[in-house]
């Protein structure tokens, strides 16, 4: 018998081409988001911002950030403690802040307030 060959069931569709202006605008927006998140992490580390407020009412630029990464910016929270908290709250480490359900948000905030 010949080896099985994989044939795509759907034709491959390329993403639409973007103009130079569209690419530059997307790059500018991505850089603004990265800069804002970096400042937010510095504020969390310095205690100028509360992780509780951030989780309950996240700004738009943070909604696609990973919960794991934001918790790492909180003082006294390292990888082990963050993984433990997320596991107790039944939250995947790859979950984004915008992707949290209301149950996960409230459970995570109550866990962090202990």
Protein backbone atom coordinates (compact mmCIF):
# COMPACT_ATOMS: atom_id res chain seq x y z
CA UNK A 1 0.00 0.00 0.00
CA UNK A 2 1.30 3.48 -0.78
CA UNK A 3 1.82 5.88 2.12
CA UNK A 4 -1.16 8.04 2.94
CA UNK A 5 -0.97 11.50 1.49
CA UNK A 6 -2.58 14.39 3.22
CA UNK A 7 -4.89 16.38 0.99
CA UNK A 8 -6.38 19.58 2.34
CA UNK A 9 -10.14 19.38 2.62
CA UNK A 10 -10.49 23.13 2.14
CA UNK A 11 -8.57 25.28 -0.30
CA UNK A 12 -5.95 27.46 1.36
CA UNK A 13 -6.98 31.10 1.44
CA UNK A 14 -4.31 33.73 1.90
CA UNK A 15 -4.89 36.67 4.18
CA UNK A 16 -5.85 39.82 2.30
CA UNK A 17 -2.94 42.03 1.36
CA UNK A 18 -2.54 45.13 3.49
CA UNK A 19 -1.42 48.46 2.20
CA UNK A 20 1.68 50.12 3.60
CA UNK A 21 -0.52 52.59 5.52
CA UNK A 22 -2.51 49.76 7.10
CA UNK A 23 0.66 47.91 8.12
CA UNK A 24 2.21 51.05 9.57
CA UNK A 25 -0.98 51.84 11.51
CA UNK A 26 -1.07 48.29 12.92
CA UNK A 27 2.59 48.56 13.90
CA UNK A 28 1.99 51.91 15.59
CA UNK A 29 -0.97 50.52 17.54
CA UNK A 30 1.00 47.42 18.62
CA UNK A 31 3.86 49.61 19.86
CA UNK A 32 1.47 51.83 21.82
CA UNK A 33 -0.08 48.76 23.46
CA UNK A 34 3.34 47.32 24.35
CA UNK A 35 4.44 50.63 25.85
CA UNK A 36 1.23 50.98 27.88
CA UNK A 37 1.53 47.40 29.18
CA UNK A 38 5.16 47.91 30.15
CA UNK A 39 4.21 51.04 32.12
CA UNK A 40 1.33 49.15 33.75
CA UNK A 41 3.70 46.36 34.84
CA UNK A 42 6.07 48.94 36.33
CA UNK A 43 3.13 50.54 38.17
CA UNK A 44 2.01 47.14 39.50
CA UNK A 45 5.51 46.34 40.70
CA UNK A 46 5.83 49.74 42.41
CA UNK A 47 2.38 49.47 44.03
CA UNK A 48 0.94 52.46 42.15
CA UNK A 49 -1.77 50.27 40.56
CA UNK A 50 -3.86 47.53 42.12
CA UNK A 51 -4.10 44.13 40.44
CA UNK A 52 -7.64 43.85 41.86
CA UNK A 53 -8.86 46.93 39.99
CA UNK A 54 -7.03 45.81 36.87
CA UNK A 55 -8.76 42.42 36.87
CA UNK A 56 -12.22 43.76 37.69
CA UNK A 57 -12.16 46.68 35.22
CA UNK A 58 -9.37 46.08 32.68
CA UNK A 59 -8.44 48.86 30.25
CA UNK A 60 -8.79 47.94 26.58
CA UNK A 61 -5.03 47.65 25.98
CA UNK A 62 -4.75 44.95 28.66
CA UNK A 63 -7.59 42.67 27.56
CA UNK A 64 -5.35 40.61 25.26
CA UNK A 65 -2.54 40.29 27.83
CA UNK A 66 -2.04 36.98 29.61
CA UNK A 67 -3.26 36.85 33.23
CA UNK A 68 -0.06 34.95 34.10
CA UNK A 69 2.16 37.80 32.84
CA UNK A 70 0.22 40.47 34.71
CA UNK A 71 0.31 38.50 37.97
CA UNK A 72 4.09 38.08 37.64
CA UNK A 73 4.41 41.87 37.80
CA UNK A 74 2.81 41.91 41.27
CA UNK A 75 5.35 42.03 44.12
CA UNK A 76 5.85 38.74 46.00
CA UNK A 77 4.33 36.71 43.15
CA UNK A 78 6.72 34.47 41.27
CA UNK A 79 6.08 31.70 38.77
CA UNK A 80 5.31 29.04 41.39
CA UNK A 81 2.83 31.15 43.37
CA UNK A 82 1.12 32.45 40.20
CA UNK A 83 0.74 28.91 38.84
CA UNK A 84 -0.68 27.75 42.17
CA UNK A 85 -3.24 30.59 42.32
CA UNK A 86 -4.32 30.04 38.72
CA UNK A 87 -4.66 26.30 39.30
CA UNK A 88 -6.78 26.84 42.43
CA UNK A 89 -9.05 29.20 40.46
CA UNK A 90 -9.23 26.74 37.53
CA UNK A 91 -7.71 29.26 35.10
CA UNK A 92 -5.36 28.25 32.30
CA UNK A 93 -1.97 30.03 32.37
CA UNK A 94 -2.53 31.00 28.73
CA UNK A 95 -5.86 32.75 29.47
CA UNK A 96 -6.08 36.42 28.59
CA UNK A 97 -7.53 39.03 30.93
CA UNK A 98 -10.33 39.77 28.47
CA UNK A 99 -11.10 36.04 28.23
CA UNK A 100 -11.81 35.59 31.94
CA UNK A 101 -15.38 34.78 32.92
CA UNK A 102 -17.04 36.75 35.71
CA UNK A 103 -16.66 33.73 38.02
CA UNK A 104 -12.95 33.50 37.26
CA UNK A 105 -12.46 37.23 37.81
CA UNK A 106 -14.16 37.34 41.19
CA UNK A 107 -12.55 34.10 42.35
CA UNK A 108 -9.09 35.30 41.31
CA UNK A 109 -9.52 38.68 43.01
CA UNK A 110 -10.75 37.08 46.25
CA UNK A 111 -7.81 34.66 46.13
CA UNK A 112 -5.32 37.53 45.66
CA UNK A 113 -6.83 39.52 48.57
CA UNK A 114 -5.98 36.78 51.06
